[in-house]
């Protein structure tokens, strides 16, 4: 669905701007990312609406996106699989928040665990998208520092008795990025073993 929509939009653009025809591949890729992002955000918003969770999906993304962009992580084999995995992750956060009373210290410990993961594994570089060594070093520093800032923020909220439902989703965004890192490490290690 994502690819088909991007192809149709690319054709539409190129019928009105023939001078861009040599940029077809770039336009298609960019539109595919835009369509994918819109669908991904919309599906999270829909899940939040169905379960009456308000804007918790925005809080979830506000911690997930900066870490995922700098640390890398698991890439599903298709956009559809990506939506399913990502929506399931958010859905699990909703279930845990609604069904269990998890103490704030547990969340903070999960963020410490995530910080440890980012320290060990960040960044995960996709074999399909290699990065220069300088960019790898920069992304590593940014992902570790971002997680550390998030941890300090959560500790401040806890100490000041301000840790609430939004903090739960913020922690889950961090944890989702961390687990994505581990999943990518396992996936790429398995690919290397099967290629030998």
C-alpha atoms as a PDB file:
ATOM      1  CA  UNK A   1       0.000   0.000   0.000  1.00  0.00           C
ATOM      2  CA  UNK A   2       2.780   2.447   0.925  1.00  0.00           C
ATOM      3  CA  UNK A   3       4.799   1.734  -2.214  1.00  0.00           C
ATOM      4  CA  UNK A   4       1.747   1.891  -4.495  1.00  0.00           C
ATOM      5  CA  UNK A   5       0.666   5.224  -3.034  1.00  0.00           C
ATOM      6  CA  UNK A   6       4.189   6.630  -3.391  1.00  0.00           C
ATOM      7  CA  UNK A   7       4.357   5.444  -7.020  1.00  0.00           C
ATOM      8  CA  UNK A   8       1.031   7.121  -7.834  1.00  0.00           C
ATOM      9  CA  UNK A   9       2.111  10.372  -6.157  1.00  0.00           C
ATOM     10  CA  UNK A  10       5.473  10.301  -7.961  1.00  0.00           C
ATOM     11  CA  UNK A  11       3.729   9.835 -11.320  1.00  0.00           C
ATOM     12  CA  UNK A  12       1.375  12.694 -10.507  1.00  0.00           C
ATOM     13  CA  UNK A  13       4.277  14.990  -9.618  1.00  0.00           C
ATOM     14  CA  UNK A  14       6.235  14.054 -12.726  1.00  0.00           C
ATOM     15  CA  UNK A  15       3.264  14.708 -15.028  1.00  0.00           C
ATOM     16  CA  UNK A  16       3.259  18.309 -13.763  1.00  0.00           C
ATOM     17  CA  UNK A  17       7.036  18.722 -13.489  1.00  0.00           C
ATOM     18  CA  UNK A  18       8.718  16.823 -16.296  1.00  0.00           C
ATOM     19  CA  UNK A  19      12.045  18.538 -15.556  1.00  0.00           C
ATOM     20  CA  UNK A  20      12.283  16.354 -12.434  1.00  0.00           C
ATOM     21  CA  UNK A  21      12.030  13.049 -14.322  1.00  0.00           C
ATOM     22  CA  UNK A  22      15.737  12.315 -13.722  1.00  0.00           C
ATOM     23  CA  UNK A  23      15.008  12.497  -9.980  1.00  0.00           C
ATOM     24  CA  UNK A  24      12.247   9.875 -10.124  1.00  0.00           C
ATOM     25  CA  UNK A  25      14.002   7.418  -7.769  1.00  0.00           C
ATOM     26  CA  UNK A  26      14.743  10.100  -5.176  1.00  0.00           C
ATOM     27  CA  UNK A  27      11.187  11.473  -5.311  1.00  0.00           C
ATOM     28  CA  UNK A  28       9.733   7.967  -5.025  1.00  0.00           C
ATOM     29  CA  UNK A  29      11.923   7.153  -2.000  1.00  0.00           C
ATOM     30  CA  UNK A  30      11.070  10.453  -0.274  1.00  0.00           C
ATOM     31  CA  UNK A  31       7.348  10.038  -0.874  1.00  0.00           C
ATOM     32  CA  UNK A  32       7.489   6.442   0.337  1.00  0.00           C
ATOM     33  CA  UNK A  33       9.028   7.669   3.604  1.00  0.00           C
ATOM     34  CA  UNK A  34       6.425  10.429   3.959  1.00  0.00           C
ATOM     35  CA  UNK A  35       3.486   8.088   3.281  1.00  0.00           C
ATOM     36  CA  UNK A  36       4.963   5.482   5.633  1.00  0.00           C
ATOM     37  CA  UNK A  37       5.387   8.051   8.399  1.00  0.00           C
ATOM     38  CA  UNK A  38       1.833   9.363   7.992  1.00  0.00           C
ATOM     39  CA  UNK A  39       0.396   5.840   8.123  1.00  0.00           C
ATOM     40  CA  UNK A  40       2.560   4.937  11.125  1.00  0.00           C
ATOM     41  CA  UNK A  41       1.599   8.039  13.098  1.00  0.00           C
ATOM     42  CA  UNK A  42      -2.064   7.687  12.134  1.00  0.00           C
ATOM     43  CA  UNK A  43      -2.211   4.069  13.282  1.00  0.00           C
ATOM     44  CA  UNK A  44      -0.751   5.014  16.691  1.00  0.00           C
ATOM     45  CA  UNK A  45      -3.222   7.907  16.994  1.00  0.00           C
ATOM     46  CA  UNK A  46      -6.077   5.544  16.094  1.00  0.00           C
ATOM     47  CA  UNK A  47      -5.013   3.014  18.726  1.00  0.00           C
ATOM     48  CA  UNK A  48      -4.766   5.824  21.312  1.00  0.00           C
ATOM     49  CA  UNK A  49      -8.236   7.043  20.328  1.00  0.00           C
ATOM     50  CA  UNK A  50      -9.773   3.554  20.522  1.00  0.00           C
ATOM     51  CA  UNK A  51      -8.332   2.983  24.008  1.00  0.00           C
ATOM     52  CA  UNK A  52      -8.964   6.555  25.187  1.00  0.00           C
ATOM     53  CA  UNK A  53      -5.263   7.269  25.751  1.00  0.00           C
ATOM     54  CA  UNK A  54      -5.281  10.835  24.426  1.00  0.00           C
ATOM     55  CA  UNK A  55      -1.934  12.086  23.187  1.00  0.00           C
ATOM     56  CA  UNK A  56       0.158   9.407  24.879  1.00  0.00           C
ATOM     57  CA  UNK A  57       1.243   8.261  21.406  1.00  0.00           C
ATOM     58  CA  UNK A  58       2.971  11.642  20.934  1.00  0.00           C
ATOM     59  CA  UNK A  59       4.844  11.217  24.223  1.00  0.00           C
ATOM     60  CA  UNK A  60       5.801   7.667  23.217  1.00  0.00           C
ATOM     61  CA  UNK A  61       7.194   8.961  19.904  1.00  0.00           C
ATOM     62  CA  UNK A  62       8.953  11.923  21.555  1.00  0.00           C
ATOM     63  CA  UNK A  63      11.367   9.558  23.284  1.00  0.00           C
ATOM     64  CA  UNK A  64      11.429   6.823  20.637  1.00  0.00           C
ATOM     65  CA  UNK A  65      12.213   8.915  17.542  1.00  0.00           C
ATOM     66  CA  UNK A  66      15.364  10.747  18.718  1.00  0.00           C
ATOM     67  CA  UNK A  67      16.874   7.483  19.943  1.00  0.00           C
ATOM     68  CA  UNK A  68      15.861   5.434  16.924  1.00  0.00           C
ATOM     69  CA  UNK A  69      17.210   8.082  14.525  1.00  0.00           C
ATOM     70  CA  UNK A  70      20.641   8.149  16.154  1.00  0.00           C
ATOM     71  CA  UNK A  71      21.036   4.620  17.535  1.00  0.00           C
ATOM     72  CA  UNK A  72      19.487   2.724  14.646  1.00  0.00           C
ATOM     73  CA  UNK A  73      17.607  -0.467  15.259  1.00  0.00           C
ATOM     74  CA  UNK A  74      15.535  -3.229  13.784  1.00  0.00           C
ATOM     75  CA  UNK A  75      14.259  -2.850  10.220  1.00  0.00           C
ATOM     76  CA  UNK A  76      11.263  -4.987   9.321  1.00  0.00           C
ATOM     77  CA  UNK A  77      11.176  -6.648   5.900  1.00  0.00           C
ATOM     78  CA  UNK A  78       8.185  -4.555   4.779  1.00  0.00           C
ATOM     79  CA  UNK A  79       6.315  -1.420   5.759  1.00  0.00           C
ATOM     80  CA  UNK A  80       3.338  -3.545   6.776  1.00  0.00           C
ATOM     81  CA  UNK A  81       5.475  -5.621   9.181  1.00  0.00           C
ATOM     82  CA  UNK A  82       6.930  -2.399  10.549  1.00  0.00           C
ATOM     83  CA  UNK A  83       3.435  -1.030  11.266  1.00  0.00           C
ATOM     84  CA  UNK A  84       2.398  -4.264  12.976  1.00  0.00           C
ATOM     85  CA  UNK A  85       5.495  -4.411  15.176  1.00  0.00           C
ATOM     86  CA  UNK A  86       5.382  -0.721  16.061  1.00  0.00           C
ATOM     87  CA  UNK A  87       1.643  -0.698  16.780  1.00  0.00           C
ATOM     88  CA  UNK A  88       1.987  -3.873  18.855  1.00  0.00           C
ATOM     89  CA  UNK A  89       4.730  -2.224  20.910  1.00  0.00           C
ATOM     90  CA  UNK A  90       2.516   0.770  21.662  1.00  0.00           C
ATOM     91  CA  UNK A  91      -0.438  -1.541  22.352  1.00  0.00           C
ATOM     92  CA  UNK A  92       1.663  -3.473  24.894  1.00  0.00           C
ATOM     93  CA  UNK A  93       2.477  -0.164  26.601  1.00  0.00           C
ATOM     94  CA  UNK A  94      -1.271   0.545  26.836  1.00  0.00           C
ATOM     95  CA  UNK A  95      -2.025  -2.898  28.267  1.00  0.00           C
ATOM     96  CA  UNK A  96       0.711  -2.614  30.892  1.00  0.00           C
ATOM     97  CA  UNK A  97      -0.398   0.894  31.860  1.00  0.00           C
ATOM     98  CA  UNK A  98      -4.069  -0.133  32.144  1.00  0.00           C
ATOM     99  CA  UNK A  99      -3.719  -3.605  33.684  1.00  0.00           C
ATOM    100  CA  UNK A 100      -0.752  -3.344  36.044  1.00  0.00           C
ATOM    101  CA  UNK A 101       0.475  -0.980  38.689  1.00  0.00           C
ATOM    102  CA  UNK A 102       4.177  -0.769  37.892  1.00  0.00           C
ATOM    103  CA  UNK A 103       6.251   1.176  40.396  1.00  0.00           C
ATOM    104  CA  UNK A 104       8.095   4.203  39.043  1.00  0.00           C
ATOM    105  CA  UNK A 105      11.455   2.744  40.115  1.00  0.00           C
ATOM    106  CA  UNK A 106      10.885  -0.168  37.702  1.00  0.00           C
ATOM    107  CA  UNK A 107      10.504   2.295  34.841  1.00  0.00           C
ATOM    108  CA  UNK A 108      13.670   4.104  35.858  1.00  0.00           C
ATOM    109  CA  UNK A 109      15.521   0.775  36.036  1.00  0.00           C
ATOM    110  CA  UNK A 110      14.267  -0.071  32.537  1.00  0.00           C
ATOM    111  CA  UNK A 111      15.688   3.231  31.290  1.00  0.00           C
ATOM    112  CA  UNK A 112      19.004   2.417  33.023  1.00  0.00           C
ATOM    113  CA  UNK A 113      18.907  -0.944  31.213  1.00  0.00           C
ATOM    114  CA  UNK A 114      18.273   0.949  27.973  1.00  0.00           C
ATOM    115  CA  UNK A 115      21.178   3.292  28.662  1.00  0.00           C
ATOM    116  CA  UNK A 116      23.381   0.243  29.121  1.00  0.00           C
ATOM    117  CA  UNK A 117      22.139  -1.156  25.767  1.00  0.00           C
ATOM    118  CA  UNK A 118      22.853   2.116  23.985  1.00  0.00           C
ATOM    119  CA  UNK A 119      26.302   2.186  25.532  1.00  0.00           C
ATOM    120  CA  UNK A 120      27.042  -1.372  24.357  1.00  0.00           C
ATOM    121  CA  UNK A 121      25.423  -1.449  20.927  1.00  0.00           C
ATOM    122  CA  UNK A 122      24.754   2.045  19.625  1.00  0.00           C
ATOM    123  CA  UNK A 123      24.627   2.712  16.787  1.00  0.00           C
ATOM    124  CA  UNK A 124      23.432  -0.289  14.848  1.00  0.00           C
ATOM    125  CA  UNK A 125      24.324   0.426  11.246  1.00  0.00           C
ATOM    126  CA  UNK A 126      22.165  -1.256   8.643  1.00  0.00           C
ATOM    127  CA  UNK A 127      24.195  -3.183   6.062  1.00  0.00           C
ATOM    128  CA  UNK A 128      22.023  -1.479   3.416  1.00  0.00           C
ATOM    129  CA  UNK A 129      22.822   2.019   4.711  1.00  0.00           C
ATOM    130  CA  UNK A 130      26.485   2.217   5.754  1.00  0.00           C
ATOM    131  CA  UNK A 131      27.626   5.331   7.608  1.00  0.00           C
ATOM    132  CA  UNK A 132      31.025   7.055   7.693  1.00  0.00           C
ATOM    133  CA  UNK A 133      33.040   6.429  10.875  1.00  0.00           C
ATOM    134  CA  UNK A 134      32.626  10.050  11.995  1.00  0.00           C
ATOM    135  CA  UNK A 135      28.821   9.783  11.706  1.00  0.00           C
ATOM    136  CA  UNK A 136      28.842   6.489  13.621  1.00  0.00           C
ATOM    137  CA  UNK A 137      30.810   8.115  16.448  1.00  0.00           C
ATOM    138  CA  UNK A 138      28.534  11.172  16.447  1.00  0.00           C
ATOM    139  CA  UNK A 139      25.361   9.027  16.512  1.00  0.00           C
ATOM    140  CA  UNK A 140      26.761   6.940  19.360  1.00  0.00           C
ATOM    141  CA  UNK A 141      27.493  10.006  21.489  1.00  0.00           C
ATOM    142  CA  UNK A 142      24.099  11.561  20.724  1.00  0.00           C
ATOM    143  CA  UNK A 143      22.122   8.401  21.526  1.00  0.00           C
ATOM    144  CA  UNK A 144      23.946   7.815  24.817  1.00  0.00           C
ATOM    145  CA  UNK A 145      23.689  11.470  25.877  1.00  0.00           C
ATOM    146  CA  UNK A 146      20.007  11.636  24.886  1.00  0.00           C
ATOM    147  CA  UNK A 147      19.221   8.562  26.973  1.00  0.00           C
ATOM    148  CA  UNK A 148      21.165  10.016  29.891  1.00  0.00           C
ATOM    149  CA  UNK A 149      19.216  13.295  29.657  1.00  0.00           C
ATOM    150  CA  UNK A 150      15.950  11.336  29.498  1.00  0.00           C
ATOM    151  CA  UNK A 151      16.998   9.327  32.571  1.00  0.00           C
ATOM    152  CA  UNK A 152      17.841  12.490  34.530  1.00  0.00           C
ATOM    153  CA  UNK A 153      14.489  14.004  33.526  1.00  0.00           C
ATOM    154  CA  UNK A 154      12.637  10.910  34.733  1.00  0.00           C
ATOM    155  CA  UNK A 155      14.550  10.878  38.023  1.00  0.00           C
ATOM    156  CA  UNK A 156      13.640  14.555  38.547  1.00  0.00           C
ATOM    157  CA  UNK A 157       9.979  13.723  37.891  1.00  0.00           C
ATOM    158  CA  UNK A 158      10.165  10.824  40.348  1.00  0.00           C
ATOM    159  CA  UNK A 159      11.892  12.814  43.106  1.00  0.00           C
ATOM    160  CA  UNK A 160       9.344  15.625  42.742  1.00  0.00           C
ATOM    161  CA  UNK A 161       6.425  13.166  42.793  1.00  0.00           C
ATOM    162  CA  UNK A 162       5.463  14.129  39.226  1.00  0.00           C
ATOM    163  CA  UNK A 163       5.890  10.710  37.591  1.00  0.00           C
ATOM    164  CA  UNK A 164       2.576  10.039  35.843  1.00  0.00           C
ATOM    165  CA  UNK A 165       0.951   8.224  32.932  1.00  0.00           C
ATOM    166  CA  UNK A 166       2.813  10.335  30.382  1.00  0.00           C
ATOM    167  CA  UNK A 167       6.125   9.346  31.979  1.00  0.00           C
ATOM    168  CA  UNK A 168       5.067   5.706  31.531  1.00  0.00           C
ATOM    169  CA  UNK A 169       4.722   6.195  27.758  1.00  0.00           C
ATOM    170  CA  UNK A 170       7.935   8.206  27.618  1.00  0.00           C
ATOM    171  CA  UNK A 171       9.766   5.291  29.286  1.00  0.00           C
ATOM    172  CA  UNK A 172       8.169   2.821  26.897  1.00  0.00           C
ATOM    173  CA  UNK A 173       9.404   4.856  23.930  1.00  0.00           C
ATOM    174  CA  UNK A 174      12.946   4.612  25.315  1.00  0.00           C
ATOM    175  CA  UNK A 175      12.559   0.900  26.022  1.00  0.00           C
ATOM    176  CA  UNK A 176      11.131   0.270  22.523  1.00  0.00           C
ATOM    177  CA  UNK A 177      14.171   1.962  20.938  1.00  0.00           C
ATOM    178  CA  UNK A 178      16.458  -0.091  23.182  1.00  0.00           C
ATOM    179  CA  UNK A 179      14.761  -3.396  22.355  1.00  0.00           C
ATOM    180  CA  UNK A 180      14.857  -2.448  18.659  1.00  0.00           C
ATOM    181  CA  UNK A 181      18.625  -2.125  19.012  1.00  0.00           C
ATOM    182  CA  UNK A 182      18.941  -5.625  20.483  1.00  0.00           C
ATOM    183  CA  UNK A 183      16.606  -7.085  17.827  1.00  0.00           C
ATOM    184  CA  UNK A 184      18.708  -5.508  15.068  1.00  0.00           C
ATOM    185  CA  UNK A 185      21.922  -6.835  16.605  1.00  0.00           C
ATOM    186  CA  UNK A 186      20.439 -10.352  16.645  1.00  0.00           C
ATOM    187  CA  UNK A 187      19.038 -10.031  13.105  1.00  0.00           C
ATOM    188  CA  UNK A 188      22.310  -8.800  11.572  1.00  0.00           C
ATOM    189  CA  UNK A 189      24.365 -11.416  13.471  1.00  0.00           C
ATOM    190  CA  UNK A 190      22.044 -14.125  12.136  1.00  0.00           C
ATOM    191  CA  UNK A 191      22.349 -12.739   8.589  1.00  0.00           C
ATOM    192  CA  UNK A 192      26.125 -12.789   8.828  1.00  0.00           C
ATOM    193  CA  UNK A 193      26.090 -16.424  10.028  1.00  0.00           C
ATOM    194  CA  UNK A 194      23.756 -17.571   7.248  1.00  0.00           C
ATOM    195  CA  UNK A 195      25.794 -15.775   4.571  1.00  0.00           C
ATOM    196  CA  UNK A 196      28.955 -17.705   5.462  1.00  0.00           C
END
